[in-house]
Amino acid sequence: MSCKCQKCKKQFKIDFLVDDDLWIKISPKGNFSGLLCGKCIIDKLESFGYGAFKLIDLVSSEDKT
């Protein structure tokens, strides 16, 4: 199953978690709702001057066995 980005209209399957204070700034609806793909999230954050991002694995190595 995939979602549709409300900015570029492309389908995506990977979720990005963004802190609430940043999400309210980049949300396509200007509130806490809406869906954005990873590219649109990164593009919007870069437009605010953010330039470093950290990807983390939400599944621990113990859960992968």
PDB file of N, CA and C in Angstrom:
ATOM      1  N   MET A   1       0.839  -1.176   0.000  1.00  0.00           N
ATOM      2  CA  MET A   1       0.000   0.000   0.000  1.00  0.00           C
ATOM      3  C   MET A   1       0.889   1.247   0.000  1.00  0.00           C
ATOM      4  N   SER A   2       0.470   2.247  -0.667  1.00  0.00           N
ATOM      5  CA  SER A   2       1.248   3.483  -0.701  1.00  0.00           C
ATOM      6  C   SER A   2       0.331   4.679  -0.484  1.00  0.00           C
ATOM      7  N   CYS A   3       0.952   5.812  -0.239  1.00  0.00           N
ATOM      8  CA  CYS A   3       0.237   7.071  -0.031  1.00  0.00           C
ATOM      9  C   CYS A   3       0.528   7.998  -1.201  1.00  0.00           C
ATOM     10  N   LYS A   4      -0.243   9.054  -1.316  1.00  0.00           N
ATOM     11  CA  LYS A   4      -0.038  10.029  -2.385  1.00  0.00           C
ATOM     12  C   LYS A   4       0.371  11.371  -1.772  1.00  0.00           C
ATOM     13  N   CYS A   5       1.505  11.892  -2.222  1.00  0.00           N
ATOM     14  CA  CYS A   5       2.000  13.174  -1.743  1.00  0.00           C
ATOM     15  C   CYS A   5       1.024  14.282  -2.148  1.00  0.00           C
ATOM     16  N   GLN A   6       0.700  15.149  -1.213  1.00  0.00           N
ATOM     17  CA  GLN A   6      -0.244  16.218  -1.496  1.00  0.00           C
ATOM     18  C   GLN A   6       0.406  17.427  -2.160  1.00  0.00           C
ATOM     19  N   LYS A   7       1.724  17.348  -2.382  1.00  0.00           N
ATOM     20  CA  LYS A   7       2.399  18.425  -3.101  1.00  0.00           C
ATOM     21  C   LYS A   7       2.724  18.006  -4.536  1.00  0.00           C
ATOM     22  N   CYS A   8       3.501  16.927  -4.705  1.00  0.00           N
ATOM     23  CA  CYS A   8       3.924  16.514  -6.049  1.00  0.00           C
ATOM     24  C   CYS A   8       2.992  15.472  -6.670  1.00  0.00           C
ATOM     25  N   LYS A   9       2.079  14.931  -5.873  1.00  0.00           N
ATOM     26  CA  LYS A   9       1.067  13.947  -6.318  1.00  0.00           C
ATOM     27  C   LYS A   9       1.632  12.570  -6.641  1.00  0.00           C
ATOM     28  N   LYS A  10       2.899  12.310  -6.313  1.00  0.00           N
ATOM     29  CA  LYS A  10       3.493  10.997  -6.562  1.00  0.00           C
ATOM     30  C   LYS A  10       3.166  10.042  -5.409  1.00  0.00           C
ATOM     31  N   GLN A  11       3.142   8.751  -5.732  1.00  0.00           N
ATOM     32  CA  GLN A  11       2.920   7.721  -4.730  1.00  0.00           C
ATOM     33  C   GLN A  11       4.226   7.491  -3.958  1.00  0.00           C
ATOM     34  N   PHE A  12       4.111   7.184  -2.652  1.00  0.00           N
ATOM     35  CA  PHE A  12       5.282   6.849  -1.852  1.00  0.00           C
ATOM     36  C   PHE A  12       4.920   5.820  -0.798  1.00  0.00           C
ATOM     37  N   LYS A  13       5.949   5.064  -0.352  1.00  0.00           N
ATOM     38  CA  LYS A  13       5.735   4.014   0.637  1.00  0.00           C
ATOM     39  C   LYS A  13       6.557   4.210   1.904  1.00  0.00           C
ATOM     40  N   ILE A  14       7.565   5.061   1.859  1.00  0.00           N
ATOM     41  CA  ILE A  14       8.461   5.247   3.001  1.00  0.00           C
ATOM     42  C   ILE A  14       8.008   6.449   3.819  1.00  0.00           C
ATOM     43  N   ASP A  15       7.891   6.245   5.130  1.00  0.00           N
ATOM     44  CA  ASP A  15       7.482   7.326   6.022  1.00  0.00           C
ATOM     45  C   ASP A  15       8.695   8.068   6.563  1.00  0.00           C
ATOM     46  N   PHE A  16       8.569   9.362   6.668  1.00  0.00           N
ATOM     47  CA  PHE A  16       9.553  10.205   7.322  1.00  0.00           C
ATOM     48  C   PHE A  16       8.887  10.763   8.571  1.00  0.00           C
ATOM     49  N   LEU A  17       9.587  10.727   9.688  1.00  0.00           N
ATOM     50  CA  LEU A  17       9.076  11.327  10.911  1.00  0.00           C
ATOM     51  C   LEU A  17       9.732  12.689  11.082  1.00  0.00           C
ATOM     52  N   VAL A  18       8.918  13.696  11.279  1.00  0.00           N
ATOM     53  CA  VAL A  18       9.405  15.068  11.418  1.00  0.00           C
ATOM     54  C   VAL A  18       8.859  15.615  12.726  1.00  0.00           C
ATOM     55  N   ASP A  19       9.715  16.262  13.504  1.00  0.00           N
ATOM     56  CA  ASP A  19       9.254  16.865  14.756  1.00  0.00           C
ATOM     57  C   ASP A  19       8.072  17.788  14.502  1.00  0.00           C
ATOM     58  N   ASP A  20       7.169  17.850  15.481  1.00  0.00           N
ATOM     59  CA  ASP A  20       5.951  18.650  15.339  1.00  0.00           C
ATOM     60  C   ASP A  20       6.231  20.107  14.985  1.00  0.00           C
ATOM     61  N   ASP A  21       7.267  20.706  15.598  1.00  0.00           N
ATOM     62  CA  ASP A  21       7.553  22.121  15.334  1.00  0.00           C
ATOM     63  C   ASP A  21       7.968  22.361  13.882  1.00  0.00           C
ATOM     64  N   LEU A  22       8.620  21.375  13.271  1.00  0.00           N
ATOM     65  CA  LEU A  22       8.974  21.497  11.853  1.00  0.00           C
ATOM     66  C   LEU A  22       7.792  21.142  10.958  1.00  0.00           C
ATOM     67  N   TRP A  23       7.047  20.101  11.336  1.00  0.00           N
ATOM     68  CA  TRP A  23       5.933  19.665  10.495  1.00  0.00           C
ATOM     69  C   TRP A  23       4.903  20.779  10.315  1.00  0.00           C
ATOM     70  N   ILE A  24       4.600  21.510  11.357  1.00  0.00           N
ATOM     71  CA  ILE A  24       3.604  22.579  11.250  1.00  0.00           C
ATOM     72  C   ILE A  24       4.051  23.628  10.231  1.00  0.00           C
ATOM     73  N   LYS A  25       5.366  23.783  10.048  1.00  0.00           N
ATOM     74  CA  LYS A  25       5.893  24.743   9.067  1.00  0.00           C
ATOM     75  C   LYS A  25       5.807  24.225   7.633  1.00  0.00           C
ATOM     76  N   ILE A  26       5.936  22.904   7.451  1.00  0.00           N
ATOM     77  CA  ILE A  26       6.008  22.360   6.093  1.00  0.00           C
ATOM     78  C   ILE A  26       4.744  21.628   5.658  1.00  0.00           C
ATOM     79  N   SER A  27       3.825  21.415   6.563  1.00  0.00           N
ATOM     80  CA  SER A  27       2.608  20.666   6.254  1.00  0.00           C
ATOM     81  C   SER A  27       1.884  21.256   5.046  1.00  0.00           C
ATOM     82  N   PRO A  28       1.412  20.402   4.130  1.00  0.00           N
ATOM     83  CA  PRO A  28       0.710  20.914   2.953  1.00  0.00           C
ATOM     84  C   PRO A  28      -0.617  21.593   3.295  1.00  0.00           C
ATOM     85  N   LYS A  29      -1.132  21.338   4.489  1.00  0.00           N
ATOM     86  CA  LYS A  29      -2.406  21.943   4.887  1.00  0.00           C
ATOM     87  C   LYS A  29      -2.223  23.073   5.900  1.00  0.00           C
ATOM     88  N   GLY A  30      -0.977  23.321   6.315  1.00  0.00           N
ATOM     89  CA  GLY A  30      -0.713  24.397   7.263  1.00  0.00           C
ATOM     90  C   GLY A  30      -1.120  24.068   8.687  1.00  0.00           C
ATOM     91  N   ASN A  31      -1.374  22.789   8.949  1.00  0.00           N
ATOM     92  CA  ASN A  31      -1.684  22.345  10.311  1.00  0.00           C
ATOM     93  C   ASN A  31      -1.002  20.996  10.508  1.00  0.00           C
ATOM     94  N   PHE A  32      -1.487  20.194  11.412  1.00  0.00           N
ATOM     95  CA  PHE A  32      -0.822  18.922  11.675  1.00  0.00           C
ATOM     96  C   PHE A  32      -1.244  17.806  10.725  1.00  0.00           C
ATOM     97  N   SER A  33      -2.128  18.062   9.790  1.00  0.00           N
ATOM     98  CA  SER A  33      -2.554  17.014   8.869  1.00  0.00           C
ATOM     99  C   SER A  33      -1.848  17.163   7.526  1.00  0.00           C
ATOM    100  N   GLY A  34      -2.007  16.155   6.697  1.00  0.00           N
ATOM    101  CA  GLY A  34      -1.437  16.180   5.359  1.00  0.00           C
ATOM    102  C   GLY A  34      -0.375  15.118   5.169  1.00  0.00           C
ATOM    103  N   LEU A  35      -0.052  14.855   3.914  1.00  0.00           N
ATOM    104  CA  LEU A  35       0.946  13.851   3.551  1.00  0.00           C
ATOM    105  C   LEU A  35       1.945  14.448   2.566  1.00  0.00           C
ATOM    106  N   LEU A  36       3.225  14.246   2.839  1.00  0.00           N
ATOM    107  CA  LEU A  36       4.282  14.646   1.920  1.00  0.00           C
ATOM    108  C   LEU A  36       5.238  13.481   1.742  1.00  0.00           C
ATOM    109  N   CYS A  37       5.734  13.299   0.527  1.00  0.00           N
ATOM    110  CA  CYS A  37       6.754  12.282   0.274  1.00  0.00           C
ATOM    111  C   CYS A  37       8.099  12.776   0.828  1.00  0.00           C
ATOM    112  N   GLY A  38       9.048  11.859   0.902  1.00  0.00           N
ATOM    113  CA  GLY A  38      10.363  12.207   1.434  1.00  0.00           C
ATOM    114  C   GLY A  38      11.039  13.334   0.675  1.00  0.00           C
ATOM    115  N   LYS A  39      10.955  13.319  -0.655  1.00  0.00           N
ATOM    116  CA  LYS A  39      11.586  14.369  -1.453  1.00  0.00           C
ATOM    117  C   LYS A  39      10.982  15.737  -1.149  1.00  0.00           C
ATOM    118  N   CYS A  40       9.671  15.811  -1.065  1.00  0.00           N
ATOM    119  CA  CYS A  40       9.027  17.099  -0.782  1.00  0.00           C
ATOM    120  C   CYS A  40       9.319  17.572   0.641  1.00  0.00           C
ATOM    121  N   ILE A  41       9.423  16.632   1.585  1.00  0.00           N
ATOM    122  CA  ILE A  41       9.808  17.009   2.955  1.00  0.00           C
ATOM    123  C   ILE A  41      11.203  17.600   2.953  1.00  0.00           C
ATOM    124  N   ILE A  42      12.151  16.908   2.317  1.00  0.00           N
ATOM    125  CA  ILE A  42      13.537  17.386   2.278  1.00  0.00           C
ATOM    126  C   ILE A  42      13.632  18.725   1.552  1.00  0.00           C
ATOM    127  N   ASP A  43      12.962  18.855   0.410  1.00  0.00           N
ATOM    128  CA  ASP A  43      12.982  20.121  -0.333  1.00  0.00           C
ATOM    129  C   ASP A  43      12.484  21.274   0.535  1.00  0.00           C
ATOM    130  N   LYS A  44      11.394  21.044   1.254  1.00  0.00           N
ATOM    131  CA  LYS A  44      10.821  22.110   2.087  1.00  0.00           C
ATOM    132  C   LYS A  44      11.751  22.444   3.252  1.00  0.00           C
ATOM    133  N   LEU A  45      12.316  21.422   3.897  1.00  0.00           N
ATOM    134  CA  LEU A  45      13.251  21.682   5.002  1.00  0.00           C
ATOM    135  C   LEU A  45      14.488  22.432   4.523  1.00  0.00           C
ATOM    136  N   GLU A  46      14.991  22.069   3.341  1.00  0.00           N
ATOM    137  CA  GLU A  46      16.144  22.782   2.784  1.00  0.00           C
ATOM    138  C   GLU A  46      15.807  24.236   2.499  1.00  0.00           C
ATOM    139  N   SER A  47      14.562  24.514   2.109  1.00  0.00           N
ATOM    140  CA  SER A  47      14.168  25.900   1.842  1.00  0.00           C
ATOM    141  C   SER A  47      14.177  26.742   3.118  1.00  0.00           C
ATOM    142  N   PHE A  48      14.102  26.080   4.282  1.00  0.00           N
ATOM    143  CA  PHE A  48      14.184  26.780   5.570  1.00  0.00           C
ATOM    144  C   PHE A  48      15.609  26.834   6.102  1.00  0.00           C
ATOM    145  N   GLY A  49      16.567  26.295   5.341  1.00  0.00           N
ATOM    146  CA  GLY A  49      17.967  26.369   5.740  1.00  0.00           C
ATOM    147  C   GLY A  49      18.508  25.115   6.406  1.00  0.00           C
ATOM    148  N   TYR A  50      17.701  24.084   6.562  1.00  0.00           N
ATOM    149  CA  TYR A  50      18.195  22.839   7.130  1.00  0.00           C
ATOM    150  C   TYR A  50      18.987  22.102   6.066  1.00  0.00           C
ATOM    151  N   GLY A  51      20.147  21.555   6.452  1.00  0.00           N
ATOM    152  CA  GLY A  51      20.981  20.904   5.459  1.00  0.00           C
ATOM    153  C   GLY A  51      21.546  19.569   5.891  1.00  0.00           C
ATOM    154  N   ALA A  52      21.231  19.120   7.078  1.00  0.00           N
ATOM    155  CA  ALA A  52      21.726  17.825   7.551  1.00  0.00           C
ATOM    156  C   ALA A  52      20.555  17.017   8.070  1.00  0.00           C
ATOM    157  N   PHE A  53      20.515  15.762   7.672  1.00  0.00           N
ATOM    158  CA  PHE A  53      19.419  14.900   8.069  1.00  0.00           C
ATOM    159  C   PHE A  53      19.998  13.576   8.530  1.00  0.00           C
ATOM    160  N   LYS A  54      19.329  12.916   9.440  1.00  0.00           N
ATOM    161  CA  LYS A  54      19.796  11.635   9.960  1.00  0.00           C
ATOM    162  C   LYS A  54      18.700  10.595   9.758  1.00  0.00           C
ATOM    163  N   LEU A  55      19.044   9.524   9.074  1.00  0.00           N
ATOM    164  CA  LEU A  55      18.122   8.413   8.908  1.00  0.00           C
ATOM    165  C   LEU A  55      18.390   7.410  10.017  1.00  0.00           C
ATOM    166  N   ILE A  56      17.324   6.954  10.653  1.00  0.00           N
ATOM    167  CA  ILE A  56      17.475   5.958  11.703  1.00  0.00           C
ATOM    168  C   ILE A  56      16.595   4.763  11.384  1.00  0.00           C
ATOM    169  N   ASP A  57      17.014   3.607  11.831  1.00  0.00           N
ATOM    170  CA  ASP A  57      16.256   2.380  11.660  1.00  0.00           C
ATOM    171  C   ASP A  57      15.344   2.224  12.866  1.00  0.00           C
ATOM    172  N   LEU A  58      14.050   2.216  12.647  1.00  0.00           N
ATOM    173  CA  LEU A  58      13.092   2.104  13.739  1.00  0.00           C
ATOM    174  C   LEU A  58      12.907   0.666  14.201  1.00  0.00           C
ATOM    175  N   VAL A  59      13.458  -0.289  13.475  1.00  0.00           N
ATOM    176  CA  VAL A  59      13.381  -1.675  13.844  1.00  0.00           C
ATOM    177  C   VAL A  59      14.749  -2.069  14.403  1.00  0.00           C
ATOM    178  N   SER A  60      14.784  -2.494  15.643  1.00  0.00           N
ATOM    179  CA  SER A  60      16.070  -2.847  16.236  1.00  0.00           C
ATOM    180  C   SER A  60      16.616  -4.113  15.595  1.00  0.00           C
ATOM    181  N   SER A  61      17.900  -4.319  15.705  1.00  0.00           N
ATOM    182  CA  SER A  61      18.522  -5.511  15.127  1.00  0.00           C
ATOM    183  C   SER A  61      17.957  -6.780  15.725  1.00  0.00           C
ATOM    184  N   GLU A  62      17.484  -6.728  16.974  1.00  0.00           N
ATOM    185  CA  GLU A  62      16.879  -7.892  17.613  1.00  0.00           C
ATOM    186  C   GLU A  62      15.568  -8.265  16.933  1.00  0.00           C
ATOM    187  N   ASP A  63      14.830  -7.256  16.433  1.00  0.00           N
ATOM    188  CA  ASP A  63      13.543  -7.498  15.784  1.00  0.00           C
ATOM    189  C   ASP A  63      13.708  -8.090  14.388  1.00  0.00           C
ATOM    190  N   LYS A  64      14.885  -7.981  13.800  1.00  0.00           N
ATOM    191  CA  LYS A  64      15.116  -8.439  12.432  1.00  0.00           C
ATOM    192  C   LYS A  64      15.370  -9.940  12.353  1.00  0.00           C
ATOM    193  N   THR A  65      15.594 -10.588  13.462  1.00  0.00           N
ATOM    194  CA  THR A  65      15.910 -12.025  13.435  1.00  0.00           C
ATOM    195  C   THR A  65      14.655 -12.851  13.369  1.00  0.00           C
TER     196      THR A  65
END
